Amino acid sequence: MKKNGSENIASMYRRGEISMDEAENRLWAEMYTNPSRYGLVSLDEDELSDFLLSFRPRFRRIIESYDESVAEFETFARNCALFFKMTWRKKQLKIAAERQSLENEIRHDAVESVRPFDDTSNPADIVSGTAERRVARRSSVRRRKIEEDARTTALVLAMKSCRDVDDEALEKLSAFTGIGGGELLKMIESLKSCPETRTARNRRMLMARRDETYYRKRKYEAELGRLDESSHEYMRLRERYERQERAWQKANESLEDGKIPTPKNSDIARILGIKQRKVYYCISHAKEKGVIEDYSEIFKKESEENDPKDEKR
C-alpha cells in the first residue's frame, strides 16, 4: 500500500505508526485537498469546509471499523462520505430555507408603498392655530377635509412617536382630535408592543449572522492548524479567515448599536383603522412641509430615559 495516500491511514494507525488524532487530521487533509476522490467535487470551498467540520466526528469510527479485506480504505471512506453527504445536504437545505424565510419576513416589513400626497394643508399650522383665517375662507366641505387631514396627520405622527408621548402631549392630542384620552392611551400602548416583535426579529437575524461568522471563523482557524503555513491552501484559507474575523466584528458592532425602531406604518394603519398608504402620505407630507419638528415639540418628553443613544444591547 502507498504511504502517502488515504488507503493506508487506518493500517498505519493500527500498527501504531500514527495516533488517532494524526489519522483524523490526515483524512481531513486528504478529503480537503482531493475532494473528487471522495465524491465531494460538487461542493464549493465553503460547503466543503462545512461538510468536513460536520463529518469529522465520524472519522474515528470510519478508521476503527475499516476492514482491509473488503475494500481499499479510500473506497470505504468515499462511500461513508457519500452516505453522510445526503443527510448533511438535507440539513443545509432546511437551514437555508429557514434563513431565507426570516430574511423575506424582515424585507417585507421594510417595504412601504409610495404615492404623492395631496397637498391640501399644513397640519402644523392647524395645530398651532395659524391657519384658522385661511381655513375660514374656504368652503365648508374643503374645511372639513382639511381639518380631518390635520387630525389624521396629528394621530399618525403621535403614533409614530408613541414612545415619546407623555401625559401632557396626550391631553393636547385628545383635545385636538376629539378622541378620548383613554382610547388614545390604549392605541399607544398597543403600538409600543409592536416594535418589540420587529426588534426581536431584527436582533435574531443579526445574532444568526454573528453566530454564522463566528462558526466559520473558528472553522477556518481549526483548518489552518492542520495545513502547512507555506502552502497555497494555507494562504488562501488565511484570507478567508481574516474576512470572517472582520465580518464577525461588524456583526457584534451591529448588535451593540441596535436601536428600538418606530412602529411600522402597517401597524399604525391597523390601530387607526386607515389604509397603510394614508399613513405614508401623512408622514411624507409632513416631511415635505418641514413640520415634523413642530409635531416633535408637541409630543416630546422632557425625560431622556428612552433616548436610544443611551441604550445598550
C-alpha atoms as a PDB file:
ATOM      1  CA  MET A   1       0.000   0.000   0.000  1.00  0.00           C
ATOM      2  CA  LYS A   2       1.084   3.568  -0.635  1.00  0.00           C
ATOM      3  CA  LYS A   3       2.357   5.563   2.297  1.00  0.00           C
ATOM      4  CA  ASN A   4       1.096   8.921   1.001  1.00  0.00           C
ATOM      5  CA  GLY A   5      -2.471   8.012   0.108  1.00  0.00           C
ATOM      6  CA  SER A   6      -5.541   7.759   2.278  1.00  0.00           C
ATOM      7  CA  GLU A   7      -5.833   3.986   1.782  1.00  0.00           C
ATOM      8  CA  ASN A   8      -3.191   3.192   4.415  1.00  0.00           C
ATOM      9  CA  ILE A   9      -4.260   5.645   7.140  1.00  0.00           C
ATOM     10  CA  ALA A  10      -6.238   3.025   9.054  1.00  0.00           C
ATOM     11  CA  SER A  11      -3.443   0.458   8.728  1.00  0.00           C
ATOM     12  CA  MET A  12      -0.829   2.948   9.926  1.00  0.00           C
ATOM     13  CA  TYR A  13      -2.984   3.722  12.947  1.00  0.00           C
ATOM     14  CA  ARG A  14      -3.436   0.042  13.774  1.00  0.00           C
ATOM     15  CA  ARG A  15       0.304  -0.560  13.529  1.00  0.00           C
ATOM     16  CA  GLY A  16       0.862   2.288  15.968  1.00  0.00           C
ATOM     17  CA  GLU A  17       2.738   4.426  13.457  1.00  0.00           C
ATOM     18  CA  ILE A  18       0.370   7.376  13.929  1.00  0.00           C
ATOM     19  CA  SER A  19      -2.069   8.429  16.641  1.00  0.00           C
ATOM     20  CA  MET A  20      -5.823   8.661  16.137  1.00  0.00           C
ATOM     21  CA  ASP A  21      -5.636  12.475  16.075  1.00  0.00           C
ATOM     22  CA  GLU A  22      -2.996  12.347  13.367  1.00  0.00           C
ATOM     23  CA  ALA A  23      -5.005   9.782  11.424  1.00  0.00           C
ATOM     24  CA  GLU A  24      -8.072  12.009  11.567  1.00  0.00           C
ATOM     25  CA  ASN A  25      -6.029  15.047  10.532  1.00  0.00           C
ATOM     26  CA  ARG A  26      -4.581  13.146   7.580  1.00  0.00           C
ATOM     27  CA  LEU A  27      -8.021  12.039   6.461  1.00  0.00           C
ATOM     28  CA  TRP A  28      -9.261  15.635   6.769  1.00  0.00           C
ATOM     29  CA  ALA A  29      -6.345  16.960   4.685  1.00  0.00           C
ATOM     30  CA  GLU A  30      -6.816  14.213   2.096  1.00  0.00           C
ATOM     31  CA  MET A  31     -10.520  14.979   1.631  1.00  0.00           C
ATOM     32  CA  TYR A  32      -9.935  18.739   1.650  1.00  0.00           C
ATOM     33  CA  THR A  33      -7.176  18.662  -0.986  1.00  0.00           C
ATOM     34  CA  ASN A  34      -8.652  15.848  -3.118  1.00  0.00           C
ATOM     35  CA  PRO A  35     -12.460  16.187  -2.884  1.00  0.00           C
ATOM     36  CA  SER A  36     -13.010  14.499  -6.255  1.00  0.00           C
ATOM     37  CA  ARG A  37     -11.729  11.201  -4.841  1.00  0.00           C
ATOM     38  CA  TYR A  38     -14.476  11.192  -2.230  1.00  0.00           C
ATOM     39  CA  GLY A  39     -17.460  12.356  -4.256  1.00  0.00           C
ATOM     40  CA  LEU A  40     -17.231  15.894  -2.868  1.00  0.00           C
ATOM     41  CA  VAL A  41     -16.288  17.752  -6.038  1.00  0.00           C
ATOM     42  CA  SER A  42     -19.781  19.284  -6.267  1.00  0.00           C
ATOM     43  CA  LEU A  43     -19.166  21.260  -3.054  1.00  0.00           C
ATOM     44  CA  ASP A  44     -17.601  24.711  -3.208  1.00  0.00           C
ATOM     45  CA  GLU A  45     -14.875  25.689  -0.740  1.00  0.00           C
ATOM     46  CA  ASP A  46     -17.245  26.942   1.946  1.00  0.00           C
ATOM     47  CA  GLU A  47     -19.525  23.936   1.596  1.00  0.00           C
ATOM     48  CA  LEU A  48     -16.567  21.548   1.663  1.00  0.00           C
ATOM     49  CA  SER A  49     -15.272  23.119   4.874  1.00  0.00           C
ATOM     50  CA  ASP A  50     -18.733  22.978   6.453  1.00  0.00           C
ATOM     51  CA  PHE A  51     -19.154  19.377   5.371  1.00  0.00           C
ATOM     52  CA  LEU A  52     -15.797  18.250   6.762  1.00  0.00           C
ATOM     53  CA  LEU A  53     -16.433  20.031  10.041  1.00  0.00           C
ATOM     54  CA  SER A  54     -19.689  18.087  10.413  1.00  0.00           C
ATOM     55  CA  PHE A  55     -18.173  14.850   9.098  1.00  0.00           C
ATOM     56  CA  ARG A  56     -15.033  14.878  11.266  1.00  0.00           C
ATOM     57  CA  PRO A  57     -16.677  13.410  14.438  1.00  0.00           C
ATOM     58  CA  ARG A  58     -17.256  10.233  12.393  1.00  0.00           C
ATOM     59  CA  PHE A  59     -13.620   9.869  11.310  1.00  0.00           C
ATOM     60  CA  ARG A  60     -12.684   7.773  14.353  1.00  0.00           C
ATOM     61  CA  ARG A  61     -15.451   5.272  13.684  1.00  0.00           C
ATOM     62  CA  ILE A  62     -14.523   5.095   9.985  1.00  0.00           C
ATOM     63  CA  ILE A  63     -10.875   4.383  10.798  1.00  0.00           C
ATOM     64  CA  GLU A  64     -11.656   1.849  13.520  1.00  0.00           C
ATOM     65  CA  SER A  65     -14.329  -0.032  11.536  1.00  0.00           C
ATOM     66  CA  TYR A  66     -12.371  -0.277   8.277  1.00  0.00           C
ATOM     67  CA  ASP A  67     -11.864  -3.875   7.072  1.00  0.00           C
ATOM     68  CA  GLU A  68      -8.994  -4.045   4.578  1.00  0.00           C
ATOM     69  CA  SER A  69     -10.189  -7.448   3.332  1.00  0.00           C
ATOM     70  CA  VAL A  70     -13.341  -5.852   1.908  1.00  0.00           C
ATOM     71  CA  ALA A  71     -12.070  -2.755   0.092  1.00  0.00           C
ATOM     72  CA  GLU A  72      -9.331  -0.177  -0.032  1.00  0.00           C
ATOM     73  CA  PHE A  73      -9.582   2.486   2.631  1.00  0.00           C
ATOM     74  CA  GLU A  74     -10.113   5.268   0.076  1.00  0.00           C
ATOM     75  CA  THR A  75     -13.109   3.421  -1.381  1.00  0.00           C
ATOM     76  CA  PHE A  76     -14.515   2.764   2.074  1.00  0.00           C
ATOM     77  CA  ALA A  77     -14.047   6.398   3.142  1.00  0.00           C
ATOM     78  CA  ARG A  78     -15.629   7.606  -0.113  1.00  0.00           C
ATOM     79  CA  ASN A  79     -18.764   5.516   0.454  1.00  0.00           C
ATOM     80  CA  CYS A  80     -19.030   6.811   4.020  1.00  0.00           C
ATOM     81  CA  ALA A  81     -18.636  10.397   2.797  1.00  0.00           C
ATOM     82  CA  LEU A  82     -21.283   9.999   0.086  1.00  0.00           C
ATOM     83  CA  PHE A  83     -23.753   8.491   2.534  1.00  0.00           C
ATOM     84  CA  PHE A  84     -23.185  11.253   5.078  1.00  0.00           C
ATOM     85  CA  LYS A  85     -23.405  13.938   2.385  1.00  0.00           C
ATOM     86  CA  MET A  86     -27.041  13.063   1.677  1.00  0.00           C
ATOM     87  CA  THR A  87     -28.018  13.682   5.296  1.00  0.00           C
ATOM     88  CA  TRP A  88     -25.833  16.771   5.537  1.00  0.00           C
ATOM     89  CA  ARG A  89     -27.294  18.264   2.344  1.00  0.00           C
ATOM     90  CA  LYS A  90     -30.856  17.880   3.610  1.00  0.00           C
ATOM     91  CA  LYS A  91     -29.922  19.645   6.831  1.00  0.00           C
ATOM     92  CA  GLN A  92     -28.235  22.503   4.930  1.00  0.00           C
ATOM     93  CA  LEU A  93     -31.279  22.961   2.700  1.00  0.00           C
ATOM     94  CA  LYS A  94     -33.505  23.159   5.767  1.00  0.00           C
ATOM     95  CA  ILE A  95     -31.252  25.770   7.394  1.00  0.00           C
ATOM     96  CA  ALA A  96     -31.129  27.790   4.162  1.00  0.00           C
ATOM     97  CA  ALA A  97     -34.920  27.700   3.847  1.00  0.00           C
ATOM     98  CA  GLU A  98     -35.377  28.904   7.427  1.00  0.00           C
ATOM     99  CA  ARG A  99     -32.864  31.715   6.925  1.00  0.00           C
ATOM    100  CA  GLN A 100     -34.491  32.773   3.651  1.00  0.00           C
ATOM    101  CA  SER A 101     -37.903  32.803   5.305  1.00  0.00           C
ATOM    102  CA  LEU A 102     -36.603  35.054   8.068  1.00  0.00           C
ATOM    103  CA  GLU A 103     -34.913  37.416   5.602  1.00  0.00           C
ATOM    104  CA  ASN A 104     -38.084  37.619   3.485  1.00  0.00           C
ATOM    105  CA  GLU A 105     -40.124  38.449   6.575  1.00  0.00           C
ATOM    106  CA  ILE A 106     -37.780  41.278   7.534  1.00  0.00           C
ATOM    107  CA  ARG A 107     -37.653  42.645   3.984  1.00  0.00           C
ATOM    108  CA  HIS A 108     -41.449  42.509   3.763  1.00  0.00           C
ATOM    109  CA  ASP A 109     -41.723  44.572   6.937  1.00  0.00           C
ATOM    110  CA  ALA A 110     -39.474  47.241   5.422  1.00  0.00           C
ATOM    111  CA  VAL A 111     -41.470  47.666   2.186  1.00  0.00           C
ATOM    112  CA  GLU A 112     -43.685  50.747   2.072  1.00  0.00           C
ATOM    113  CA  SER A 113     -45.926  51.782  -0.808  1.00  0.00           C
ATOM    114  CA  VAL A 114     -45.182  55.232  -2.258  1.00  0.00           C
ATOM    115  CA  ARG A 115     -47.643  57.723  -3.766  1.00  0.00           C
ATOM    116  CA  PRO A 116     -47.620  61.553  -3.762  1.00  0.00           C
ATOM    117  CA  PHE A 117     -49.693  63.156  -1.007  1.00  0.00           C
ATOM    118  CA  ASP A 118     -52.436  65.578  -1.936  1.00  0.00           C
ATOM    119  CA  ASP A 119     -51.027  68.977  -0.949  1.00  0.00           C
ATOM    120  CA  THR A 120     -54.106  70.333   0.755  1.00  0.00           C
ATOM    121  CA  SER A 121     -52.880  71.772   4.016  1.00  0.00           C
ATOM    122  CA  ASN A 122     -50.126  72.241   6.514  1.00  0.00           C
ATOM    123  CA  PRO A 123     -51.215  70.227   9.597  1.00  0.00           C
ATOM    124  CA  ALA A 124     -48.754  72.030  11.833  1.00  0.00           C
ATOM    125  CA  ASP A 125     -50.401  75.343  11.005  1.00  0.00           C
ATOM    126  CA  ILE A 126     -53.752  73.935  12.023  1.00  0.00           C
ATOM    127  CA  VAL A 127     -52.445  72.528  15.293  1.00  0.00           C
ATOM    128  CA  SER A 128     -50.847  75.858  16.164  1.00  0.00           C
ATOM    129  CA  GLY A 129     -53.896  77.850  15.059  1.00  0.00           C
ATOM    130  CA  THR A 130     -52.033  79.940  12.460  1.00  0.00           C
ATOM    131  CA  ALA A 131     -54.104  78.614   9.557  1.00  0.00           C
ATOM    132  CA  GLU A 132     -57.524  79.392  11.034  1.00  0.00           C
ATOM    133  CA  ARG A 133     -58.035  82.504   8.923  1.00  0.00           C
ATOM    134  CA  ARG A 134     -57.122  80.692   5.735  1.00  0.00           C
ATOM    135  CA  VAL A 135     -59.413  77.754   6.566  1.00  0.00           C
ATOM    136  CA  ALA A 136     -62.306  80.100   7.329  1.00  0.00           C
ATOM    137  CA  ARG A 137     -62.248  81.420   3.768  1.00  0.00           C
ATOM    138  CA  ARG A 138     -62.711  78.021   2.239  1.00  0.00           C
ATOM    139  CA  SER A 139     -65.924  76.141   1.669  1.00  0.00           C
ATOM    140  CA  SER A 140     -67.332  74.019   4.459  1.00  0.00           C
ATOM    141  CA  VAL A 141     -66.565  70.800   2.558  1.00  0.00           C
ATOM    142  CA  ARG A 142     -62.994  71.869   1.936  1.00  0.00           C
ATOM    143  CA  ARG A 143     -62.647  72.983   5.535  1.00  0.00           C
ATOM    144  CA  ARG A 144     -63.868  69.675   6.904  1.00  0.00           C
ATOM    145  CA  LYS A 145     -61.417  67.784   4.702  1.00  0.00           C
ATOM    146  CA  ILE A 146     -58.529  69.945   5.824  1.00  0.00           C
ATOM    147  CA  GLU A 147     -59.438  69.525   9.467  1.00  0.00           C
ATOM    148  CA  GLU A 148     -59.858  65.788   9.041  1.00  0.00           C
ATOM    149  CA  ASP A 149     -56.461  65.506   7.322  1.00  0.00           C
ATOM    150  CA  ALA A 150     -54.878  67.564  10.084  1.00  0.00           C
ATOM    151  CA  ARG A 151     -56.351  65.347  12.802  1.00  0.00           C
ATOM    152  CA  THR A 152     -55.268  62.221  10.941  1.00  0.00           C
ATOM    153  CA  THR A 153     -51.757  63.583  10.481  1.00  0.00           C
ATOM    154  CA  ALA A 154     -51.530  64.503  14.153  1.00  0.00           C
ATOM    155  CA  LEU A 155     -52.660  60.990  15.089  1.00  0.00           C
ATOM    156  CA  VAL A 156     -50.239  59.322  12.679  1.00  0.00           C
ATOM    157  CA  LEU A 157     -47.246  61.325  13.886  1.00  0.00           C
ATOM    158  CA  ALA A 158     -48.199  60.767  17.507  1.00  0.00           C
ATOM    159  CA  MET A 159     -48.483  57.016  16.920  1.00  0.00           C
ATOM    160  CA  LYS A 160     -45.163  57.013  15.066  1.00  0.00           C
ATOM    161  CA  SER A 161     -43.513  58.621  18.105  1.00  0.00           C
ATOM    162  CA  CYS A 162     -45.621  56.665  20.607  1.00  0.00           C
ATOM    163  CA  ARG A 163     -42.689  56.157  22.970  1.00  0.00           C
ATOM    164  CA  ASP A 164     -42.314  59.912  23.410  1.00  0.00           C
ATOM    165  CA  VAL A 165     -45.956  60.805  24.114  1.00  0.00           C
ATOM    166  CA  ASP A 166     -46.336  61.881  27.747  1.00  0.00           C
ATOM    167  CA  ASP A 167     -49.495  62.853  29.666  1.00  0.00           C
ATOM    168  CA  GLU A 168     -49.349  66.487  28.568  1.00  0.00           C
ATOM    169  CA  ALA A 169     -48.969  65.585  24.906  1.00  0.00           C
ATOM    170  CA  LEU A 170     -51.757  63.021  25.250  1.00  0.00           C
ATOM    171  CA  GLU A 171     -54.084  65.711  26.605  1.00  0.00           C
ATOM    172  CA  LYS A 172     -53.249  68.053  23.710  1.00  0.00           C
ATOM    173  CA  LEU A 173     -53.788  65.286  21.184  1.00  0.00           C
ATOM    174  CA  SER A 174     -57.133  64.359  22.725  1.00  0.00           C
ATOM    175  CA  ALA A 175     -58.334  67.966  22.611  1.00  0.00           C
ATOM    176  CA  PHE A 176     -57.233  68.412  19.006  1.00  0.00           C
ATOM    177  CA  THR A 177     -58.579  65.122  17.609  1.00  0.00           C
ATOM    178  CA  GLY A 178     -61.680  64.780  19.770  1.00  0.00           C
ATOM    179  CA  ILE A 179     -60.686  61.253  20.775  1.00  0.00           C
ATOM    180  CA  GLY A 180     -60.813  60.370  24.461  1.00  0.00           C
ATOM    181  CA  GLY A 181     -57.541  60.129  26.360  1.00  0.00           C
ATOM    182  CA  GLY A 182     -58.254  56.555  27.431  1.00  0.00           C
ATOM    183  CA  GLU A 183     -58.785  55.411  23.861  1.00  0.00           C
ATOM    184  CA  LEU A 184     -55.635  57.195  22.692  1.00  0.00           C
ATOM    185  CA  LEU A 185     -53.646  55.633  25.511  1.00  0.00           C
ATOM    186  CA  LYS A 186     -54.889  52.187  24.504  1.00  0.00           C
ATOM    187  CA  MET A 187     -53.741  52.804  20.913  1.00  0.00           C
ATOM    188  CA  ILE A 188     -50.333  53.976  22.079  1.00  0.00           C
ATOM    189  CA  GLU A 189     -49.808  51.015  24.397  1.00  0.00           C
ATOM    190  CA  SER A 190     -50.750  48.611  21.604  1.00  0.00           C
ATOM    191  CA  LEU A 191     -48.209  50.198  19.282  1.00  0.00           C
ATOM    192  CA  LYS A 192     -45.482  50.204  21.898  1.00  0.00           C
ATOM    193  CA  SER A 193     -45.523  46.420  21.875  1.00  0.00           C
ATOM    194  CA  CYS A 194     -45.324  46.155  18.080  1.00  0.00           C
ATOM    195  CA  PRO A 195     -41.715  47.342  17.627  1.00  0.00           C
ATOM    196  CA  GLU A 196     -40.592  44.786  20.201  1.00  0.00           C
ATOM    197  CA  THR A 197     -41.600  41.996  17.840  1.00  0.00           C
ATOM    198  CA  ARG A 198     -39.817  43.687  14.972  1.00  0.00           C
ATOM    199  CA  THR A 199     -36.781  44.305  17.159  1.00  0.00           C
ATOM    200  CA  ALA A 200     -36.718  40.654  18.145  1.00  0.00           C
ATOM    201  CA  ARG A 201     -36.764  39.554  14.508  1.00  0.00           C
ATOM    202  CA  ASN A 202     -34.046  42.009  13.512  1.00  0.00           C
ATOM    203  CA  ARG A 203     -31.946  41.062  16.505  1.00  0.00           C
ATOM    204  CA  ARG A 204     -32.464  37.371  15.829  1.00  0.00           C
ATOM    205  CA  MET A 205     -31.253  37.893  12.272  1.00  0.00           C
ATOM    206  CA  LEU A 206     -28.194  39.813  13.454  1.00  0.00           C
ATOM    207  CA  MET A 207     -27.416  37.128  16.012  1.00  0.00           C
ATOM    208  CA  ALA A 208     -27.723  34.452  13.327  1.00  0.00           C
ATOM    209  CA  ARG A 209     -25.251  36.344  11.161  1.00  0.00           C
ATOM    210  CA  ARG A 210     -22.903  36.832  14.090  1.00  0.00           C
ATOM    211  CA  ASP A 211     -23.081  33.156  15.022  1.00  0.00           C
ATOM    212  CA  GLU A 212     -22.508  32.074  11.433  1.00  0.00           C
ATOM    213  CA  THR A 213     -19.434  34.278  11.027  1.00  0.00           C
ATOM    214  CA  TYR A 214     -18.093  33.080  14.379  1.00  0.00           C
ATOM    215  CA  TYR A 215     -18.667  29.474  13.351  1.00  0.00           C
ATOM    216  CA  ARG A 216     -16.819  29.982  10.078  1.00  0.00           C
ATOM    217  CA  LYS A 217     -14.029  31.902  11.805  1.00  0.00           C
ATOM    218  CA  ARG A 218     -13.415  29.071  14.251  1.00  0.00           C
ATOM    219  CA  LYS A 219     -13.725  26.507  11.483  1.00  0.00           C
ATOM    220  CA  TYR A 220     -11.076  28.208   9.351  1.00  0.00           C
ATOM    221  CA  GLU A 221      -8.903  28.667  12.417  1.00  0.00           C
ATOM    222  CA  ALA A 222      -9.046  24.926  13.095  1.00  0.00           C
ATOM    223  CA  GLU A 223      -8.286  24.114   9.464  1.00  0.00           C
ATOM    224  CA  LEU A 224      -5.298  26.467   9.417  1.00  0.00           C
ATOM    225  CA  GLY A 225      -3.756  24.478  12.249  1.00  0.00           C
ATOM    226  CA  ARG A 226      -3.750  21.377  10.061  1.00  0.00           C
ATOM    227  CA  LEU A 227      -2.144  22.934   6.973  1.00  0.00           C
ATOM    228  CA  ASP A 228       1.432  23.805   6.120  1.00  0.00           C
ATOM    229  CA  GLU A 229       1.890  27.573   6.558  1.00  0.00           C
ATOM    230  CA  SER A 230       3.932  27.754   3.362  1.00  0.00           C
ATOM    231  CA  SER A 231       1.279  26.049   1.238  1.00  0.00           C
ATOM    232  CA  HIS A 232      -1.059  27.771  -1.193  1.00  0.00           C
ATOM    233  CA  GLU A 233      -4.059  26.257   0.603  1.00  0.00           C
ATOM    234  CA  TYR A 234      -2.919  27.861   3.858  1.00  0.00           C
ATOM    235  CA  MET A 235      -2.596  31.356   2.336  1.00  0.00           C
ATOM    236  CA  ARG A 236      -5.985  31.102   0.637  1.00  0.00           C
ATOM    237  CA  LEU A 237      -7.658  29.864   3.801  1.00  0.00           C
ATOM    238  CA  ARG A 238      -5.935  32.576   5.831  1.00  0.00           C
ATOM    239  CA  GLU A 239      -7.590  35.244   3.678  1.00  0.00           C
ATOM    240  CA  ARG A 240     -10.989  33.650   4.222  1.00  0.00           C
ATOM    241  CA  TYR A 241     -10.346  33.503   7.962  1.00  0.00           C
ATOM    242  CA  GLU A 242      -9.487  37.216   8.085  1.00  0.00           C
ATOM    243  CA  ARG A 243     -12.653  38.089   6.145  1.00  0.00           C
ATOM    244  CA  GLN A 244     -14.768  36.137   8.609  1.00  0.00           C
ATOM    245  CA  GLU A 245     -12.971  37.819  11.502  1.00  0.00           C
ATOM    246  CA  ARG A 246     -13.914  41.247  10.121  1.00  0.00           C
ATOM    247  CA  ALA A 247     -17.485  40.132   9.433  1.00  0.00           C
ATOM    248  CA  TRP A 248     -17.804  38.777  12.969  1.00  0.00           C
ATOM    249  CA  GLN A 249     -16.595  42.048  14.496  1.00  0.00           C
ATOM    250  CA  LYS A 250     -19.005  44.012  12.304  1.00  0.00           C
ATOM    251  CA  ALA A 251     -21.912  41.780  13.347  1.00  0.00           C
ATOM    252  CA  ASN A 252     -21.078  42.343  17.013  1.00  0.00           C
ATOM    253  CA  GLU A 253     -20.942  46.097  16.467  1.00  0.00           C
ATOM    254  CA  SER A 254     -24.348  45.997  14.780  1.00  0.00           C
ATOM    255  CA  LEU A 255     -25.817  44.208  17.795  1.00  0.00           C
ATOM    256  CA  GLU A 256     -24.277  46.707  20.209  1.00  0.00           C
ATOM    257  CA  ASP A 257     -25.578  49.655  18.177  1.00  0.00           C
ATOM    258  CA  GLY A 258     -29.111  48.254  17.898  1.00  0.00           C
ATOM    259  CA  LYS A 259     -31.896  50.800  18.428  1.00  0.00           C
ATOM    260  CA  ILE A 260     -35.581  50.430  19.180  1.00  0.00           C
ATOM    261  CA  PRO A 261     -37.428  51.015  15.877  1.00  0.00           C
ATOM    262  CA  THR A 262     -40.562  53.077  15.496  1.00  0.00           C
ATOM    263  CA  PRO A 263     -43.859  51.316  14.778  1.00  0.00           C
ATOM    264  CA  LYS A 264     -44.397  50.122  11.234  1.00  0.00           C
ATOM    265  CA  ASN A 265     -46.829  52.013   9.021  1.00  0.00           C
ATOM    266  CA  SER A 266     -48.901  48.847   8.695  1.00  0.00           C
ATOM    267  CA  ASP A 267     -49.295  48.654  12.491  1.00  0.00           C
ATOM    268  CA  ILE A 268     -50.292  52.318  12.704  1.00  0.00           C
ATOM    269  CA  ALA A 269     -52.819  51.828   9.899  1.00  0.00           C
ATOM    270  CA  ARG A 270     -54.308  48.831  11.687  1.00  0.00           C
ATOM    271  CA  ILE A 271     -54.618  50.664  15.014  1.00  0.00           C
ATOM    272  CA  LEU A 272     -56.135  53.814  13.461  1.00  0.00           C
ATOM    273  CA  GLY A 273     -58.359  51.919  11.020  1.00  0.00           C
ATOM    274  CA  ILE A 274     -56.995  53.655   7.916  1.00  0.00           C
ATOM    275  CA  LYS A 275     -55.122  52.497   4.829  1.00  0.00           C
ATOM    276  CA  GLN A 276     -51.390  51.978   5.082  1.00  0.00           C
ATOM    277  CA  ARG A 277     -50.820  54.356   2.179  1.00  0.00           C
ATOM    278  CA  LYS A 278     -52.645  57.079   4.086  1.00  0.00           C
ATOM    279  CA  VAL A 279     -50.139  56.705   6.912  1.00  0.00           C
ATOM    280  CA  TYR A 280     -47.305  57.112   4.448  1.00  0.00           C
ATOM    281  CA  TYR A 281     -48.981  60.168   2.880  1.00  0.00           C
ATOM    282  CA  CYS A 282     -49.297  61.891   6.231  1.00  0.00           C
ATOM    283  CA  ILE A 283     -45.664  61.312   7.155  1.00  0.00           C
ATOM    284  CA  SER A 284     -44.399  62.190   3.675  1.00  0.00           C
ATOM    285  CA  HIS A 285     -46.488  65.367   3.536  1.00  0.00           C
ATOM    286  CA  ALA A 286     -45.306  66.466   6.976  1.00  0.00           C
ATOM    287  CA  LYS A 287     -41.685  65.920   5.945  1.00  0.00           C
ATOM    288  CA  GLU A 288     -42.145  67.845   2.702  1.00  0.00           C
ATOM    289  CA  LYS A 289     -43.659  70.771   4.579  1.00  0.00           C
ATOM    290  CA  GLY A 290     -40.935  70.659   7.206  1.00  0.00           C
ATOM    291  CA  VAL A 291     -43.389  70.331  10.077  1.00  0.00           C
ATOM    292  CA  ILE A 292     -42.061  67.144  11.679  1.00  0.00           C
ATOM    293  CA  GLU A 293     -40.111  69.283  14.111  1.00  0.00           C
ATOM    294  CA  ASP A 294     -43.278  71.158  15.098  1.00  0.00           C
ATOM    295  CA  TYR A 295     -45.035  67.928  15.979  1.00  0.00           C
ATOM    296  CA  SER A 296     -41.952  66.583  17.703  1.00  0.00           C
ATOM    297  CA  GLU A 297     -42.029  69.510  20.093  1.00  0.00           C
ATOM    298  CA  ILE A 298     -45.654  68.755  20.920  1.00  0.00           C
ATOM    299  CA  PHE A 299     -45.048  65.077  21.651  1.00  0.00           C
ATOM    300  CA  LYS A 300     -41.521  65.276  23.074  1.00  0.00           C
ATOM    301  CA  LYS A 301     -40.803  64.109  26.618  1.00  0.00           C
ATOM    302  CA  GLU A 302     -38.637  66.143  28.922  1.00  0.00           C
ATOM    303  CA  SER A 303     -37.033  62.941  30.226  1.00  0.00           C
ATOM    304  CA  GLU A 304     -34.303  61.360  28.109  1.00  0.00           C
ATOM    305  CA  GLU A 305     -34.688  57.920  29.625  1.00  0.00           C
ATOM    306  CA  ASN A 306     -35.862  56.496  26.289  1.00  0.00           C
ATOM    307  CA  ASP A 307     -33.124  58.105  24.194  1.00  0.00           C
ATOM    308  CA  PRO A 308     -31.940  55.187  22.023  1.00  0.00           C
ATOM    309  CA  LYS A 309     -28.399  56.588  22.045  1.00  0.00           C
ATOM    310  CA  ASP A 310     -28.116  55.720  25.711  1.00  0.00           C
ATOM    311  CA  GLU A 311     -29.404  52.170  25.385  1.00  0.00           C
ATOM    312  CA  LYS A 312     -27.021  49.226  25.324  1.00  0.00           C
ATOM    313  CA  ARG A 313     -27.972  45.877  23.882  1.00  0.00           C
END
